[in-house]
Amino acid sequence: MTGAPETTIYGPAAAGHVRLERLEGGVARVVLAQEARLNAISAVMWDGLVAAMEAVARDGDLRAVILTGAGERAFSAGADLSEFGEKRSDPEATAGYNAKVRAGMAAVRGAEVPVLAAIRGKCIGAGVALAAMADLRIADTASDFGIPAAKLGVAYDPDWVARLVALAGRETVSALLLFGARIKGDEARAAGLVSRLCGSDELDGAALALARTAAGGAPLSHRATKAALDAAVPPVSPEADARARALAAACDESPEYRQSVHDFNQDKTS
């Protein structure tokens, strides 16, 4: 590739933002960029993710997406906890914030072009769910996965849990969510959470090669295949879904959650 790619930035360039890079061969790279916080995803970045994926959808020349994190340390540390005291301060604010997160997840999962998550380093919390929304995941050998939802007093969205169980099985997802497991790249590969491991210096090239191959496919065929893959996942019963969502909402108002936000902000200022 010659020269720097055409780039659009969604959000403040000097702070957390999402970057859309138009590469050669019909490939877009969507970058979560907040390196100082391990690419933790702020509310602005969730909006930026939606905007970036919408831009891809409007551009008929872009036929595959690489979703990745900026820098060498992390794909994403998940949602930006430093915002929780403000953005999730009451039920109305929490509902609005959660809607942004769900919209970001849906933008990736609902893309009509193939989406590949290239995971380098830490992939934590909502970062794991976001990677799971992609069609394929590759990771470097130093990658590290964890979901500290119980430690924070929050609940993973039922749709995210269903997606992860379909990928990695109930045992692995239970270990991550209930028992606070942290798994390395080789364990994630064995569980089916990622399909391929490579060295950190090889990850970008491997992701680009895969994305270019996908971009060479027929767009209508890809759309049909993605629809069929989604249809192959058994739906959750309405009763089970309603119960899970009610319990998740209760977590957002629980003393444990409020204490975790307080403790996080205390640690940040001490």
Protein backbone atom coordinates (compact mmCIF):
# COMPACT_ATOMS: atom_id res chain seq x y z
CA MET A 1 0.00 0.00 0.00
CA THR A 2 1.31 3.46 -0.86
CA GLY A 3 0.88 6.47 1.41
CA ALA A 4 -1.37 6.92 4.40
CA PRO A 5 -4.94 5.62 4.11
CA GLU A 6 -7.85 8.01 3.79
CA THR A 7 -9.03 8.44 7.38
CA THR A 8 -12.16 9.75 9.08
CA ILE A 9 -12.17 10.35 12.83
CA TYR A 10 -15.38 10.12 14.86
CA GLY A 11 -14.96 11.89 18.18
CA PRO A 12 -12.26 14.23 19.55
CA ALA A 13 -8.92 13.38 17.93
CA ALA A 14 -7.02 14.16 21.14
CA ALA A 15 -9.24 11.92 23.27
CA GLY A 16 -11.13 8.67 22.81
CA HIS A 17 -12.39 8.29 19.26
CA VAL A 18 -13.11 5.80 16.50
CA ARG A 19 -11.05 5.95 13.33
CA LEU A 20 -12.20 4.71 9.93
CA GLU A 21 -9.32 3.98 7.57
CA ARG A 22 -10.01 3.15 3.94
CA LEU A 23 -7.37 0.67 2.80
CA GLU A 24 -6.69 -0.75 -0.64
CA GLY A 25 -8.53 -3.79 -1.92
CA GLY A 26 -11.98 -2.79 -0.67
CA VAL A 27 -11.03 -3.07 3.02
CA ALA A 28 -11.98 -0.69 5.82
CA ARG A 29 -10.18 -0.67 9.16
CA VAL A 30 -12.22 0.56 12.13
CA VAL A 31 -9.96 1.42 15.05
CA LEU A 32 -10.96 1.89 18.70
CA ALA A 33 -8.56 4.62 19.79
CA GLN A 34 -8.07 5.54 23.43
CA GLU A 35 -4.63 4.09 24.08
CA ALA A 36 -4.14 5.76 27.47
CA ARG A 37 -7.11 3.76 28.77
CA LEU A 38 -6.38 0.54 26.86
CA ASN A 39 -8.95 1.56 24.25
CA ALA A 40 -11.78 1.60 26.77
CA ILE A 41 -14.89 2.60 24.84
CA SER A 42 -16.49 5.90 25.88
CA ALA A 43 -20.04 6.96 25.07
CA VAL A 44 -18.66 9.13 22.25
CA MET A 45 -16.82 6.10 20.90
CA TRP A 46 -19.94 3.91 20.92
CA ASP A 47 -21.60 6.63 18.81
CA GLY A 48 -18.49 6.79 16.64
CA LEU A 49 -18.58 3.05 16.07
CA VAL A 50 -22.14 3.34 14.76
CA ALA A 51 -21.14 6.25 12.52
CA ALA A 52 -18.12 4.40 11.15
CA MET A 53 -20.12 1.28 10.34
CA GLU A 54 -22.82 3.40 8.69
CA ALA A 55 -20.13 5.05 6.56
CA VAL A 56 -18.91 1.61 5.48
CA ALA A 57 -22.45 0.62 4.54
CA ARG A 58 -22.83 3.72 2.36
CA ASP A 59 -19.57 3.12 0.52
CA GLY A 60 -20.03 0.45 -2.12
CA ASP A 61 -16.26 0.16 -2.57
CA LEU A 62 -15.75 -1.11 1.00
CA ARG A 63 -16.50 -4.82 1.12
CA ALA A 64 -14.84 -6.02 4.33
CA VAL A 65 -13.99 -4.54 7.73
CA ILE A 66 -11.12 -5.09 10.14
CA LEU A 67 -12.12 -4.07 13.68
CA THR A 68 -9.14 -3.50 15.96
CA GLY A 69 -7.68 -1.40 18.77
CA ALA A 70 -5.04 1.30 18.56
CA GLY A 71 -1.52 0.60 19.75
CA GLU A 72 0.13 -2.56 20.98
CA ARG A 73 -1.46 -3.16 24.39
CA ALA A 74 -5.16 -3.80 23.88
CA PHE A 75 -8.04 -4.49 21.57
CA SER A 76 -10.26 -2.91 24.21
CA ALA A 77 -10.57 -2.83 27.99
CA GLY A 78 -14.35 -2.68 27.53
CA ALA A 79 -16.66 0.16 28.49
CA ASP A 80 -14.96 3.26 29.89
CA LEU A 81 -15.69 2.91 33.60
CA SER A 82 -14.52 6.45 34.31
CA GLU A 83 -17.79 7.66 32.75
CA PHE A 84 -20.13 5.46 34.75
CA GLY A 85 -20.62 7.90 37.62
CA GLU A 86 -21.93 10.48 35.16
CA LYS A 87 -23.35 8.50 32.25
CA ARG A 88 -25.13 5.91 34.42
CA SER A 89 -26.09 8.18 37.32
CA ASP A 90 -29.80 7.27 37.41
CA PRO A 91 -32.17 4.86 35.63
CA GLU A 92 -32.88 7.26 32.77
CA ALA A 93 -29.21 8.02 32.17
CA THR A 94 -28.34 4.34 32.43
CA ALA A 95 -30.98 3.42 29.86
CA GLY A 96 -29.63 6.04 27.47
CA TYR A 97 -26.05 4.87 27.93
CA ASN A 98 -26.99 1.22 27.51
CA ALA A 99 -28.82 2.08 24.29
CA LYS A 100 -25.59 3.55 22.89
CA VAL A 101 -23.68 0.38 23.77
CA ARG A 102 -26.31 -1.87 22.19
CA ALA A 103 -26.35 0.30 19.07
CA GLY A 104 -22.58 -0.06 18.73
CA MET A 105 -22.77 -3.82 19.13
CA ALA A 106 -25.65 -4.04 16.64
CA ALA A 107 -23.77 -1.92 14.10
CA VAL A 108 -20.96 -4.48 14.02
CA ARG A 109 -23.15 -7.56 14.13
CA GLY A 110 -25.58 -6.18 11.57
CA ALA A 111 -22.97 -5.17 9.00
CA GLU A 112 -23.76 -6.62 5.58
CA VAL A 113 -20.05 -7.01 4.78
CA PRO A 114 -17.72 -9.50 6.51
CA VAL A 115 -16.22 -8.13 9.74
CA LEU A 116 -12.96 -9.48 11.16
CA ALA A 117 -11.82 -8.61 14.69
CA ALA A 118 -8.03 -8.41 15.01
CA ILE A 119 -7.26 -8.72 18.72
CA ARG A 120 -3.90 -7.66 20.11
CA GLY A 121 -3.28 -7.75 23.85
CA LYS A 122 -6.10 -7.27 26.33
CA CYS A 123 -9.71 -7.91 25.38
CA ILE A 124 -11.84 -7.29 28.46
CA GLY A 125 -15.48 -6.84 29.43
CA ALA A 126 -17.60 -5.33 26.67
CA GLY A 127 -14.55 -5.67 24.44
CA VAL A 128 -15.08 -9.44 24.43
CA ALA A 129 -18.72 -9.00 23.41
CA LEU A 130 -17.77 -6.52 20.71
CA ALA A 131 -15.21 -8.93 19.26
CA ALA A 132 -17.89 -11.64 19.37
CA MET A 133 -20.14 -9.51 17.15
CA ALA A 134 -17.61 -9.86 14.32
CA ASP A 135 -17.84 -12.73 11.85
CA LEU A 136 -14.32 -13.98 12.58
CA ARG A 137 -11.71 -13.30 15.24
CA ILE A 138 -7.94 -13.65 15.07
CA ALA A 139 -5.62 -12.76 17.93
CA ASP A 140 -1.98 -12.47 18.81
CA THR A 141 -0.33 -15.06 21.02
CA ALA A 142 -0.15 -12.58 23.91
CA SER A 143 -3.89 -11.85 23.87
CA ASP A 144 -5.74 -11.99 27.17
CA PHE A 145 -9.52 -12.28 27.65
CA GLY A 146 -11.65 -11.60 30.72
CA ILE A 147 -15.12 -10.39 31.73
CA PRO A 148 -15.17 -8.89 35.27
CA ALA A 149 -18.93 -8.19 35.22
CA ALA A 150 -19.60 -9.79 38.62
CA LYS A 151 -16.70 -7.91 40.21
CA LEU A 152 -18.21 -4.65 38.96
CA GLY A 153 -21.77 -5.58 39.92
CA VAL A 154 -23.10 -5.34 36.37
CA ALA A 155 -24.76 -7.88 34.10
CA TYR A 156 -23.79 -8.85 30.58
CA ASP A 157 -26.57 -8.30 28.06
CA PRO A 158 -28.44 -11.57 27.29
CA ASP A 159 -27.75 -11.14 23.57
CA TRP A 160 -24.02 -10.94 24.25
CA VAL A 161 -24.11 -14.03 26.43
CA ALA A 162 -26.01 -15.95 23.74
CA ARG A 163 -23.47 -14.91 21.12
CA LEU A 164 -20.54 -15.98 23.29
CA VAL A 165 -22.13 -19.31 24.20
CA ALA A 166 -22.68 -20.01 20.50
CA LEU A 167 -19.00 -19.34 19.87
CA ALA A 168 -17.18 -20.74 22.89
CA GLY A 169 -19.69 -22.93 24.74
CA ARG A 170 -21.35 -22.64 28.12
CA GLU A 171 -18.33 -23.91 30.08
CA THR A 172 -15.98 -21.21 28.84
CA VAL A 173 -18.56 -18.44 29.16
CA SER A 174 -19.46 -19.57 32.69
CA ALA A 175 -15.78 -19.54 33.62
CA LEU A 176 -15.41 -15.99 32.31
CA LEU A 177 -18.61 -14.53 33.77
CA LEU A 178 -19.21 -16.48 36.98
CA PHE A 179 -15.71 -17.45 38.07
CA GLY A 180 -13.73 -14.45 36.86
CA ALA A 181 -11.46 -16.51 34.62
CA ARG A 182 -8.81 -14.84 32.51
CA ILE A 183 -7.87 -16.88 29.48
CA LYS A 184 -4.91 -16.52 27.16
CA GLY A 185 -4.96 -16.70 23.40
CA ASP A 186 -4.27 -20.43 23.21
CA GLU A 187 -7.20 -21.18 25.53
CA ALA A 188 -9.45 -18.83 23.55
CA ARG A 189 -8.41 -20.62 20.37
CA ALA A 190 -9.13 -24.04 21.88
CA ALA A 191 -12.57 -22.87 23.06
CA GLY A 192 -13.52 -21.45 19.67
CA LEU A 193 -13.57 -17.83 20.78
CA VAL A 194 -10.88 -17.03 18.20
CA SER A 195 -10.11 -18.97 15.05
CA ARG A 196 -6.42 -18.23 14.61
CA LEU A 197 -3.39 -17.09 16.59
CA CYS A 198 -0.30 -15.37 15.24
CA GLY A 199 2.61 -13.33 16.50
CA SER A 200 1.95 -9.69 17.33
CA ASP A 201 4.12 -8.55 14.43
CA GLU A 202 2.13 -10.76 12.06
CA LEU A 203 -1.38 -9.83 13.20
CA ASP A 204 -1.98 -6.80 10.99
CA GLY A 205 -0.75 -8.57 7.86
CA ALA A 206 -2.80 -11.68 8.58
CA ALA A 207 -5.92 -9.59 9.20
CA LEU A 208 -5.42 -7.63 6.00
CA ALA A 209 -4.91 -10.78 3.93
CA LEU A 210 -8.11 -12.34 5.29
CA ALA A 211 -10.09 -9.13 4.80
CA ARG A 212 -8.90 -8.74 1.22
CA THR A 213 -9.95 -12.30 0.47
CA ALA A 214 -13.40 -11.60 1.91
CA ALA A 215 -13.63 -8.30 0.02
CA GLY A 216 -13.13 -10.21 -3.23
CA GLY A 217 -16.34 -12.17 -2.68
CA ALA A 218 -19.75 -11.32 -4.08
CA PRO A 219 -21.56 -8.86 -1.77
CA LEU A 220 -24.98 -10.48 -2.22
CA SER A 221 -23.54 -13.89 -1.43
CA HIS A 222 -21.99 -12.49 1.76
CA ARG A 223 -25.30 -10.94 2.82
CA ALA A 224 -27.13 -14.20 2.24
CA THR A 225 -24.52 -16.17 4.15
CA LYS A 226 -24.56 -13.80 7.12
CA ALA A 227 -28.35 -13.98 7.28
CA ALA A 228 -28.19 -17.77 7.21
CA LEU A 229 -25.55 -17.85 9.96
CA ASP A 230 -27.71 -15.65 12.19
CA ALA A 231 -30.75 -17.82 11.48
CA ALA A 232 -28.78 -20.91 12.54
CA VAL A 233 -28.47 -19.68 16.15
CA PRO A 234 -31.41 -20.94 18.27
CA PRO A 235 -33.53 -18.03 19.56
CA VAL A 236 -33.86 -17.39 23.28
CA SER A 237 -37.39 -17.91 24.61
CA PRO A 238 -39.26 -14.66 25.31
CA GLU A 239 -39.76 -15.66 28.95
CA ALA A 240 -36.08 -16.37 29.56
CA ASP A 241 -35.06 -13.20 27.76
CA ALA A 242 -37.47 -11.05 29.78
CA ARG A 243 -36.23 -12.53 33.07
CA ALA A 244 -32.58 -12.03 32.13
CA ARG A 245 -33.19 -8.41 31.14
CA ALA A 246 -35.11 -7.67 34.34
CA LEU A 247 -32.25 -9.05 36.42
CA ALA A 248 -29.71 -7.10 34.36
CA ALA A 249 -31.65 -3.88 34.98
CA ALA A 250 -31.71 -4.65 38.71
CA CYS A 251 -27.92 -4.93 38.68
CA ASP A 252 -27.68 -1.35 37.43
CA GLU A 253 -29.38 -0.13 40.62
CA SER A 254 -27.70 -2.52 43.05
CA PRO A 255 -25.52 -1.44 46.01
CA GLU A 256 -22.69 -3.60 44.66
CA TYR A 257 -22.65 -1.71 41.37
CA ARG A 258 -22.77 1.70 43.07
CA GLN A 259 -19.92 0.70 45.35
CA SER A 260 -17.79 -0.52 42.45
CA VAL A 261 -18.22 2.82 40.63
CA HIS A 262 -17.34 4.70 43.82
CA ASP A 263 -14.27 2.54 44.41
CA PHE A 264 -13.11 2.96 40.82
CA ASN A 265 -13.36 6.74 41.00
CA GLN A 266 -11.62 6.79 44.39
CA ASP A 267 -8.73 4.74 42.99
CA LYS A 268 -8.49 7.07 40.01
CA THR A 269 -8.15 10.19 42.18
CA SER A 270 -5.92 8.75 44.90
